[in-house]
Amino acid sequence: QVTNPQIIFEATGVYSRRLQAFLDMHELRYVMMNPLEAKRKTKDDLHQNKTDKLDAMYLAKMQSEHPQRLAYVQSEEYQELMTNNRIYEQASHDLITNKNRLHKAVQLTFPEIEHLMANPRGKNYWSIVLKFPHPNIVLETKEADIIDFLKSLSGIGEK
């Protein structure tokens, strides 16, 4: 029975995306607030007991007294690009984190290995780390077997 409702909510990641998709699907306009911005704008009405019900009331009061700009509907392509970008950023962050953890683990178990090679990051380096992750393995391996293994790597000769 309501015509032209004013809808306002905080952007809370996966939780608000469902609501946003619903509103977009039904072509309802809305205000999606950044949670920090909403907190800053409602700080005049500080409330100690923070609940979803009170938050909704303060957002509604703010919208009625100081209307916020309506969000525009983004194209599906743009939303997909944004989603893919978030996935890429997370994967890049995870890769860097895991590389740092691996580097730390190698330094703890076999700190001398980095001083043995000119490029302690290339394919040969990681082949050696995989074959000899700890100096004790080097000590337990026959010298001839180590030499044969090193010769099998590209770019490593008799010297």
N, C-alpha and C. Protein backbone atom coordinates (compact mmCIF):
# COMPACT_ATOMS: atom_id res chain seq x y z
N GLN A 1 0.82 -1.20 0.00
CA GLN A 1 0.00 0.00 0.00
C GLN A 1 0.86 1.26 0.00
N VAL A 2 2.14 1.11 0.34
CA VAL A 2 3.02 2.27 0.39
C VAL A 2 3.47 2.60 -1.02
N THR A 3 3.42 3.88 -1.35
CA THR A 3 3.93 4.31 -2.65
C THR A 3 5.18 5.12 -2.45
N ASN A 4 6.16 4.87 -3.29
CA ASN A 4 7.42 5.60 -3.28
C ASN A 4 8.09 5.59 -1.90
N PRO A 5 8.41 4.43 -1.35
CA PRO A 5 9.05 4.39 -0.02
C PRO A 5 10.48 4.91 -0.09
N GLN A 6 10.94 5.45 1.02
CA GLN A 6 12.34 5.84 1.15
C GLN A 6 13.05 4.72 1.89
N ILE A 7 14.01 4.10 1.26
CA ILE A 7 14.70 2.95 1.83
C ILE A 7 16.14 3.36 2.11
N ILE A 8 16.58 3.12 3.34
CA ILE A 8 17.95 3.44 3.72
C ILE A 8 18.49 2.29 4.56
N PHE A 9 19.73 1.91 4.27
CA PHE A 9 20.37 0.83 5.03
C PHE A 9 21.88 0.99 4.96
N GLU A 10 22.57 0.28 5.86
CA GLU A 10 24.03 0.31 5.88
C GLU A 10 24.57 -0.78 4.97
N ALA A 11 25.64 -0.46 4.25
CA ALA A 11 26.32 -1.45 3.41
C ALA A 11 27.16 -2.34 4.31
N THR A 12 26.69 -3.55 4.54
CA THR A 12 27.38 -4.45 5.46
C THR A 12 27.86 -5.70 4.72
N GLY A 13 28.46 -5.53 3.57
CA GLY A 13 29.05 -6.65 2.84
C GLY A 13 28.01 -7.62 2.31
N VAL A 14 28.24 -8.90 2.55
CA VAL A 14 27.37 -9.93 1.97
C VAL A 14 25.93 -9.80 2.46
N TYR A 15 25.73 -9.29 3.67
CA TYR A 15 24.37 -9.18 4.22
C TYR A 15 23.55 -8.15 3.44
N SER A 16 24.15 -7.02 3.15
CA SER A 16 23.38 -5.98 2.47
C SER A 16 23.30 -6.23 0.96
N ARG A 17 24.18 -7.04 0.41
CA ARG A 17 24.13 -7.30 -1.04
C ARG A 17 22.84 -8.01 -1.44
N ARG A 18 22.34 -8.89 -0.57
CA ARG A 18 21.07 -9.57 -0.87
C ARG A 18 19.93 -8.56 -0.94
N LEU A 19 19.90 -7.67 0.05
CA LEU A 19 18.86 -6.64 0.06
C LEU A 19 19.00 -5.74 -1.17
N GLN A 20 20.22 -5.36 -1.48
CA GLN A 20 20.48 -4.51 -2.64
C GLN A 20 20.00 -5.20 -3.93
N ALA A 21 20.29 -6.48 -4.07
CA ALA A 21 19.86 -7.23 -5.26
C ALA A 21 18.34 -7.26 -5.35
N PHE A 22 17.69 -7.48 -4.20
CA PHE A 22 16.22 -7.49 -4.16
C PHE A 22 15.66 -6.14 -4.60
N LEU A 23 16.19 -5.07 -4.04
CA LEU A 23 15.71 -3.73 -4.37
C LEU A 23 15.95 -3.40 -5.84
N ASP A 24 17.13 -3.78 -6.35
CA ASP A 24 17.43 -3.54 -7.77
C ASP A 24 16.48 -4.33 -8.66
N MET A 25 16.22 -5.59 -8.28
CA MET A 25 15.34 -6.44 -9.08
C MET A 25 13.93 -5.85 -9.16
N HIS A 26 13.47 -5.24 -8.06
CA HIS A 26 12.13 -4.64 -8.03
C HIS A 26 12.15 -3.15 -8.37
N GLU A 27 13.30 -2.69 -8.84
CA GLU A 27 13.47 -1.31 -9.28
C GLU A 27 13.05 -0.30 -8.22
N LEU A 28 13.43 -0.57 -6.98
CA LEU A 28 13.18 0.35 -5.88
C LEU A 28 14.46 1.15 -5.61
N ARG A 29 14.31 2.44 -5.50
CA ARG A 29 15.47 3.30 -5.22
C ARG A 29 15.77 3.26 -3.72
N TYR A 30 17.01 3.46 -3.37
CA TYR A 30 17.42 3.33 -1.97
C TYR A 30 18.67 4.16 -1.71
N VAL A 31 18.94 4.33 -0.40
CA VAL A 31 20.17 4.96 0.05
C VAL A 31 20.96 3.87 0.76
N MET A 32 22.16 3.62 0.27
CA MET A 32 23.03 2.63 0.90
C MET A 32 24.18 3.40 1.56
N MET A 33 24.19 3.38 2.88
CA MET A 33 25.16 4.16 3.65
C MET A 33 26.39 3.33 3.99
N ASN A 34 27.53 3.97 3.92
CA ASN A 34 28.74 3.39 4.47
C ASN A 34 28.55 3.37 5.99
N PRO A 35 28.79 2.24 6.66
CA PRO A 35 28.56 2.17 8.11
C PRO A 35 29.30 3.24 8.91
N LEU A 36 30.52 3.56 8.51
CA LEU A 36 31.27 4.60 9.23
C LEU A 36 30.65 5.98 9.02
N GLU A 37 30.20 6.22 7.79
CA GLU A 37 29.55 7.51 7.50
C GLU A 37 28.23 7.61 8.27
N ALA A 38 27.48 6.52 8.30
CA ALA A 38 26.21 6.52 9.04
C ALA A 38 26.46 6.78 10.52
N LYS A 39 27.48 6.17 11.07
CA LYS A 39 27.81 6.38 12.49
C LYS A 39 28.17 7.84 12.74
N ARG A 40 28.96 8.40 11.81
CA ARG A 40 29.39 9.80 11.96
C ARG A 40 28.19 10.74 11.88
N LYS A 41 27.27 10.47 10.97
CA LYS A 41 26.12 11.36 10.78
C LYS A 41 25.08 11.21 11.88
N THR A 42 25.05 10.06 12.57
CA THR A 42 24.07 9.87 13.64
C THR A 42 24.70 10.04 15.01
N LYS A 43 25.94 10.51 15.07
CA LYS A 43 26.62 10.62 16.36
C LYS A 43 25.98 11.68 17.27
N ASP A 44 25.22 12.62 16.68
CA ASP A 44 24.52 13.60 17.52
C ASP A 44 23.51 12.90 18.41
N ASP A 45 22.93 11.83 17.89
CA ASP A 45 21.94 11.06 18.65
C ASP A 45 22.59 9.80 19.20
N LEU A 46 23.67 9.98 19.91
CA LEU A 46 24.40 8.82 20.43
C LEU A 46 23.46 7.93 21.24
N HIS A 47 23.50 6.67 20.92
CA HIS A 47 22.70 5.72 21.68
C HIS A 47 23.62 4.64 22.23
N GLN A 48 23.47 4.38 23.49
CA GLN A 48 24.34 3.42 24.17
C GLN A 48 24.00 1.99 23.80
N ASN A 49 22.70 1.69 23.76
CA ASN A 49 22.28 0.32 23.47
C ASN A 49 22.16 0.16 21.96
N LYS A 50 23.22 -0.29 21.35
CA LYS A 50 23.24 -0.43 19.90
C LYS A 50 22.55 -1.73 19.51
N THR A 51 21.42 -1.59 18.82
CA THR A 51 20.70 -2.76 18.32
C THR A 51 20.29 -2.48 16.88
N ASP A 52 19.97 -3.52 16.15
CA ASP A 52 19.54 -3.35 14.77
C ASP A 52 18.29 -2.47 14.69
N LYS A 53 17.39 -2.66 15.65
CA LYS A 53 16.14 -1.89 15.66
C LYS A 53 16.44 -0.40 15.86
N LEU A 54 17.30 -0.09 16.85
CA LEU A 54 17.65 1.31 17.09
C LEU A 54 18.43 1.91 15.93
N ASP A 55 19.35 1.12 15.37
CA ASP A 55 20.11 1.60 14.21
C ASP A 55 19.17 1.97 13.07
N ALA A 56 18.17 1.11 12.81
CA ALA A 56 17.20 1.38 11.74
C ALA A 56 16.42 2.66 12.03
N MET A 57 16.05 2.84 13.29
CA MET A 57 15.31 4.04 13.66
C MET A 57 16.17 5.30 13.43
N TYR A 58 17.42 5.25 13.84
CA TYR A 58 18.29 6.41 13.65
C TYR A 58 18.56 6.69 12.18
N LEU A 59 18.72 5.65 11.38
CA LEU A 59 18.90 5.85 9.94
C LEU A 59 17.65 6.48 9.33
N ALA A 60 16.48 5.98 9.72
CA ALA A 60 15.22 6.54 9.20
C ALA A 60 15.07 8.01 9.60
N LYS A 61 15.40 8.31 10.85
CA LYS A 61 15.32 9.70 11.35
C LYS A 61 16.27 10.59 10.56
N MET A 62 17.49 10.10 10.35
CA MET A 62 18.47 10.87 9.60
C MET A 62 17.97 11.13 8.17
N GLN A 63 17.39 10.11 7.54
CA GLN A 63 16.91 10.26 6.16
C GLN A 63 15.75 11.23 6.10
N SER A 64 14.90 11.23 7.12
CA SER A 64 13.76 12.13 7.09
C SER A 64 14.19 13.58 7.34
N GLU A 65 15.16 13.78 8.22
CA GLU A 65 15.60 15.15 8.56
C GLU A 65 16.63 15.70 7.57
N HIS A 66 17.53 14.82 7.11
CA HIS A 66 18.60 15.23 6.19
C HIS A 66 18.71 14.19 5.08
N PRO A 67 17.82 14.28 4.07
CA PRO A 67 17.80 13.24 3.03
C PRO A 67 19.16 13.03 2.37
N GLN A 68 19.52 11.77 2.24
CA GLN A 68 20.76 11.38 1.59
C GLN A 68 20.48 11.11 0.11
N ARG A 69 21.53 11.19 -0.68
CA ARG A 69 21.40 10.95 -2.11
C ARG A 69 21.08 9.48 -2.38
N LEU A 70 20.14 9.23 -3.30
CA LEU A 70 19.78 7.86 -3.66
C LEU A 70 20.92 7.21 -4.44
N ALA A 71 21.08 5.92 -4.21
CA ALA A 71 22.09 5.17 -4.96
C ALA A 71 21.59 4.97 -6.39
N TYR A 72 22.50 4.91 -7.31
CA TYR A 72 22.11 4.63 -8.68
C TYR A 72 22.33 3.14 -8.93
N VAL A 73 21.52 2.61 -9.81
CA VAL A 73 21.61 1.18 -10.12
C VAL A 73 22.77 0.98 -11.07
N GLN A 74 23.68 0.10 -10.67
CA GLN A 74 24.84 -0.18 -11.51
C GLN A 74 24.51 -1.32 -12.46
N SER A 75 25.11 -1.25 -13.63
CA SER A 75 24.86 -2.30 -14.61
C SER A 75 25.42 -3.63 -14.09
N GLU A 76 24.85 -4.73 -14.59
CA GLU A 76 25.31 -6.06 -14.16
C GLU A 76 26.78 -6.26 -14.49
N GLU A 77 27.20 -5.74 -15.65
CA GLU A 77 28.60 -5.89 -16.05
C GLU A 77 29.53 -5.21 -15.04
N TYR A 78 29.13 -4.01 -14.63
CA TYR A 78 29.95 -3.28 -13.66
C TYR A 78 29.99 -4.01 -12.32
N GLN A 79 28.84 -4.52 -11.87
CA GLN A 79 28.79 -5.27 -10.62
C GLN A 79 29.67 -6.52 -10.70
N GLU A 80 29.64 -7.19 -11.85
CA GLU A 80 30.46 -8.39 -12.03
C GLU A 80 31.94 -8.02 -12.03
N LEU A 81 32.28 -6.91 -12.67
CA LEU A 81 33.67 -6.45 -12.65
C LEU A 81 34.13 -6.13 -11.23
N MET A 82 33.26 -5.48 -10.47
CA MET A 82 33.61 -5.16 -9.08
C MET A 82 33.80 -6.43 -8.26
N THR A 83 32.93 -7.41 -8.45
CA THR A 83 33.05 -8.68 -7.74
C THR A 83 34.35 -9.38 -8.12
N ASN A 84 34.63 -9.44 -9.41
CA ASN A 84 35.86 -10.08 -9.87
C ASN A 84 37.10 -9.35 -9.35
N ASN A 85 37.01 -8.03 -9.28
CA ASN A 85 38.13 -7.25 -8.76
C ASN A 85 38.37 -7.56 -7.29
N ARG A 86 37.29 -7.69 -6.51
CA ARG A 86 37.43 -8.06 -5.09
C ARG A 86 38.08 -9.43 -4.95
N ILE A 87 37.64 -10.38 -5.79
CA ILE A 87 38.21 -11.73 -5.76
C ILE A 87 39.69 -11.68 -6.11
N TYR A 88 40.04 -10.90 -7.14
CA TYR A 88 41.44 -10.77 -7.56
C TYR A 88 42.29 -10.14 -6.46
N GLU A 89 41.77 -9.07 -5.85
CA GLU A 89 42.50 -8.41 -4.77
C GLU A 89 42.74 -9.37 -3.61
N GLN A 90 41.72 -10.16 -3.25
CA GLN A 90 41.87 -11.11 -2.16
C GLN A 90 42.88 -12.20 -2.51
N ALA A 91 42.82 -12.69 -3.75
CA ALA A 91 43.78 -13.72 -4.19
C ALA A 91 45.21 -13.17 -4.18
N SER A 92 45.38 -11.93 -4.63
CA SER A 92 46.71 -11.30 -4.61
C SER A 92 47.22 -11.16 -3.18
N HIS A 93 46.35 -10.72 -2.29
CA HIS A 93 46.72 -10.57 -0.88
C HIS A 93 47.10 -11.91 -0.29
N ASP A 94 46.31 -12.94 -0.58
CA ASP A 94 46.59 -14.28 -0.06
C ASP A 94 47.92 -14.81 -0.59
N LEU A 95 48.20 -14.56 -1.87
CA LEU A 95 49.45 -15.00 -2.49
C LEU A 95 50.65 -14.36 -1.79
N ILE A 96 50.59 -13.06 -1.55
CA ILE A 96 51.68 -12.35 -0.88
C ILE A 96 51.86 -12.88 0.54
N THR A 97 50.74 -13.07 1.25
CA THR A 97 50.80 -13.60 2.61
C THR A 97 51.45 -14.97 2.64
N ASN A 98 51.03 -15.84 1.71
CA ASN A 98 51.58 -17.19 1.68
C ASN A 98 53.05 -17.20 1.27
N LYS A 99 53.44 -16.32 0.35
CA LYS A 99 54.86 -16.22 -0.02
C LYS A 99 55.69 -15.79 1.18
N ASN A 100 55.19 -14.83 1.92
CA ASN A 100 55.92 -14.37 3.11
C ASN A 100 56.04 -15.48 4.15
N ARG A 101 54.97 -16.24 4.35
CA ARG A 101 55.02 -17.36 5.30
C ARG A 101 56.02 -18.42 4.85
N LEU A 102 56.00 -18.73 3.55
CA LEU A 102 56.92 -19.73 3.02
C LEU A 102 58.36 -19.25 3.16
N HIS A 103 58.60 -17.98 2.87
CA HIS A 103 59.95 -17.42 3.00
C HIS A 103 60.44 -17.52 4.44
N LYS A 104 59.55 -17.19 5.37
CA LYS A 104 59.91 -17.26 6.79
C LYS A 104 60.22 -18.71 7.19
N ALA A 105 59.41 -19.65 6.71
CA ALA A 105 59.63 -21.06 7.04
C ALA A 105 60.97 -21.54 6.49
N VAL A 106 61.29 -21.14 5.25
CA VAL A 106 62.58 -21.53 4.66
C VAL A 106 63.73 -20.91 5.46
N GLN A 107 63.60 -19.66 5.86
CA GLN A 107 64.65 -19.02 6.65
C GLN A 107 64.85 -19.71 7.99
N LEU A 108 63.77 -20.22 8.58
CA LEU A 108 63.89 -20.90 9.87
C LEU A 108 64.51 -22.29 9.74
N THR A 109 64.18 -23.00 8.66
CA THR A 109 64.66 -24.38 8.54
C THR A 109 66.00 -24.50 7.82
N PHE A 110 66.29 -23.58 6.90
CA PHE A 110 67.52 -23.70 6.10
C PHE A 110 68.00 -22.29 5.71
N PRO A 111 68.41 -21.49 6.70
CA PRO A 111 68.73 -20.09 6.42
C PRO A 111 69.89 -19.89 5.43
N GLU A 112 70.79 -20.85 5.33
CA GLU A 112 71.97 -20.68 4.46
C GLU A 112 71.63 -20.78 2.99
N ILE A 113 70.50 -21.36 2.65
CA ILE A 113 70.21 -21.64 1.24
C ILE A 113 70.14 -20.38 0.39
N GLU A 114 69.69 -19.28 0.96
CA GLU A 114 69.60 -18.05 0.17
C GLU A 114 70.96 -17.50 -0.23
N HIS A 115 71.98 -17.84 0.53
CA HIS A 115 73.32 -17.33 0.23
C HIS A 115 74.03 -18.19 -0.82
N LEU A 116 73.45 -19.32 -1.17
CA LEU A 116 74.07 -20.23 -2.14
C LEU A 116 73.78 -19.85 -3.58
N MET A 117 72.77 -19.06 -3.80
CA MET A 117 72.35 -18.77 -5.17
C MET A 117 72.27 -17.27 -5.42
N ALA A 118 72.54 -16.91 -6.70
CA ALA A 118 72.47 -15.51 -7.09
C ALA A 118 71.02 -15.02 -7.09
N ASN A 119 70.09 -15.88 -7.50
CA ASN A 119 68.68 -15.50 -7.55
C ASN A 119 67.88 -16.42 -6.64
N PRO A 120 67.74 -16.06 -5.38
CA PRO A 120 67.00 -16.94 -4.47
C PRO A 120 65.48 -16.82 -4.61
N ARG A 121 64.98 -16.74 -5.82
CA ARG A 121 63.55 -16.69 -6.05
C ARG A 121 63.16 -17.44 -7.32
N GLY A 122 64.13 -17.85 -8.12
CA GLY A 122 63.83 -18.46 -9.40
C GLY A 122 63.41 -19.92 -9.29
N LYS A 123 63.17 -20.51 -10.47
CA LYS A 123 62.70 -21.90 -10.55
C LYS A 123 63.71 -22.86 -9.93
N ASN A 124 65.00 -22.65 -10.21
CA ASN A 124 66.02 -23.55 -9.65
C ASN A 124 66.05 -23.49 -8.12
N TYR A 125 65.91 -22.29 -7.59
CA TYR A 125 65.90 -22.12 -6.13
C TYR A 125 64.80 -22.97 -5.51
N TRP A 126 63.58 -22.86 -6.07
CA TRP A 126 62.46 -23.60 -5.49
C TRP A 126 62.59 -25.10 -5.72
N SER A 127 63.23 -25.50 -6.83
CA SER A 127 63.49 -26.93 -7.05
C SER A 127 64.43 -27.47 -5.97
N ILE A 128 65.43 -26.68 -5.63
CA ILE A 128 66.39 -27.10 -4.59
C ILE A 128 65.70 -27.13 -3.22
N VAL A 129 64.89 -26.11 -2.94
CA VAL A 129 64.18 -26.07 -1.65
C VAL A 129 63.24 -27.27 -1.53
N LEU A 130 62.57 -27.63 -2.62
CA LEU A 130 61.68 -28.80 -2.57
C LEU A 130 62.46 -30.09 -2.34
N LYS A 131 63.61 -30.20 -2.99
CA LYS A 131 64.42 -31.43 -2.86
C LYS A 131 65.13 -31.48 -1.51
N PHE A 132 65.61 -30.32 -1.04
CA PHE A 132 66.38 -30.26 0.21
C PHE A 132 65.82 -29.17 1.13
N PRO A 133 64.65 -29.40 1.74
CA PRO A 133 64.04 -28.36 2.58
C PRO A 133 64.75 -28.13 3.91
N HIS A 134 65.72 -28.99 4.25
CA HIS A 134 66.42 -28.85 5.53
C HIS A 134 67.88 -29.27 5.33
N PRO A 135 68.83 -28.61 5.99
CA PRO A 135 70.25 -28.94 5.80
C PRO A 135 70.58 -30.39 6.17
N ASN A 136 69.85 -30.97 7.09
CA ASN A 136 70.12 -32.37 7.45
C ASN A 136 69.91 -33.31 6.26
N ILE A 137 68.95 -32.97 5.40
CA ILE A 137 68.71 -33.80 4.22
C ILE A 137 69.91 -33.74 3.29
N VAL A 138 70.53 -32.57 3.18
CA VAL A 138 71.74 -32.43 2.37
C VAL A 138 72.84 -33.31 2.95
N LEU A 139 73.01 -33.26 4.27
CA LEU A 139 74.07 -34.04 4.91
C LEU A 139 73.84 -35.55 4.76
N GLU A 140 72.60 -35.97 4.70
CA GLU A 140 72.27 -37.40 4.59
C GLU A 140 72.29 -37.91 3.15
N THR A 141 72.41 -37.00 2.18
CA THR A 141 72.38 -37.38 0.76
C THR A 141 73.81 -37.52 0.24
N LYS A 142 74.01 -38.53 -0.62
CA LYS A 142 75.34 -38.76 -1.22
C LYS A 142 75.71 -37.56 -2.09
N GLU A 143 76.98 -37.20 -2.06
CA GLU A 143 77.47 -36.06 -2.83
C GLU A 143 77.18 -36.23 -4.32
N ALA A 144 77.37 -37.44 -4.82
CA ALA A 144 77.14 -37.71 -6.25
C ALA A 144 75.67 -37.47 -6.61
N ASP A 145 74.76 -37.85 -5.71
CA ASP A 145 73.34 -37.63 -5.97
C ASP A 145 72.99 -36.14 -5.99
N ILE A 146 73.64 -35.40 -5.10
CA ILE A 146 73.42 -33.94 -5.09
C ILE A 146 73.93 -33.33 -6.39
N ILE A 147 75.11 -33.75 -6.82
CA ILE A 147 75.69 -33.22 -8.07
C ILE A 147 74.80 -33.56 -9.26
N ASP A 148 74.33 -34.81 -9.33
CA ASP A 148 73.45 -35.20 -10.43
C ASP A 148 72.16 -34.38 -10.43
N PHE A 149 71.60 -34.15 -9.24
CA PHE A 149 70.39 -33.35 -9.15
C PHE A 149 70.64 -31.93 -9.63
N LEU A 150 71.74 -31.33 -9.15
CA LEU A 150 72.03 -29.94 -9.55
C LEU A 150 72.29 -29.83 -11.05
N LYS A 151 72.96 -30.82 -11.64
CA LYS A 151 73.22 -30.81 -13.09
C LYS A 151 71.92 -30.91 -13.89
N SER A 152 70.90 -31.55 -13.30
CA SER A 152 69.62 -31.70 -14.01
C SER A 152 68.85 -30.38 -14.10
N LEU A 153 69.23 -29.40 -13.31
CA LEU A 153 68.55 -28.10 -13.35
C LEU A 153 69.04 -27.27 -14.52
N SER A 154 68.16 -26.51 -15.12
CA SER A 154 68.57 -25.68 -16.27
C SER A 154 69.47 -24.55 -15.80
N GLY A 155 70.51 -24.29 -16.59
CA GLY A 155 71.42 -23.17 -16.28
C GLY A 155 72.50 -23.50 -15.28
N ILE A 156 72.58 -24.76 -14.83
CA ILE A 156 73.63 -25.13 -13.89
C ILE A 156 74.54 -26.12 -14.60
N GLY A 157 75.84 -25.77 -14.66
CA GLY A 157 76.79 -26.63 -15.37
C GLY A 157 77.77 -27.29 -14.40
N GLU A 158 78.86 -27.79 -14.95
CA GLU A 158 79.88 -28.51 -14.16
C GLU A 158 80.39 -27.67 -13.00
N LYS A 159 80.63 -26.39 -13.26
CA LYS A 159 81.20 -25.50 -12.25
C LYS A 159 80.36 -25.54 -11.00
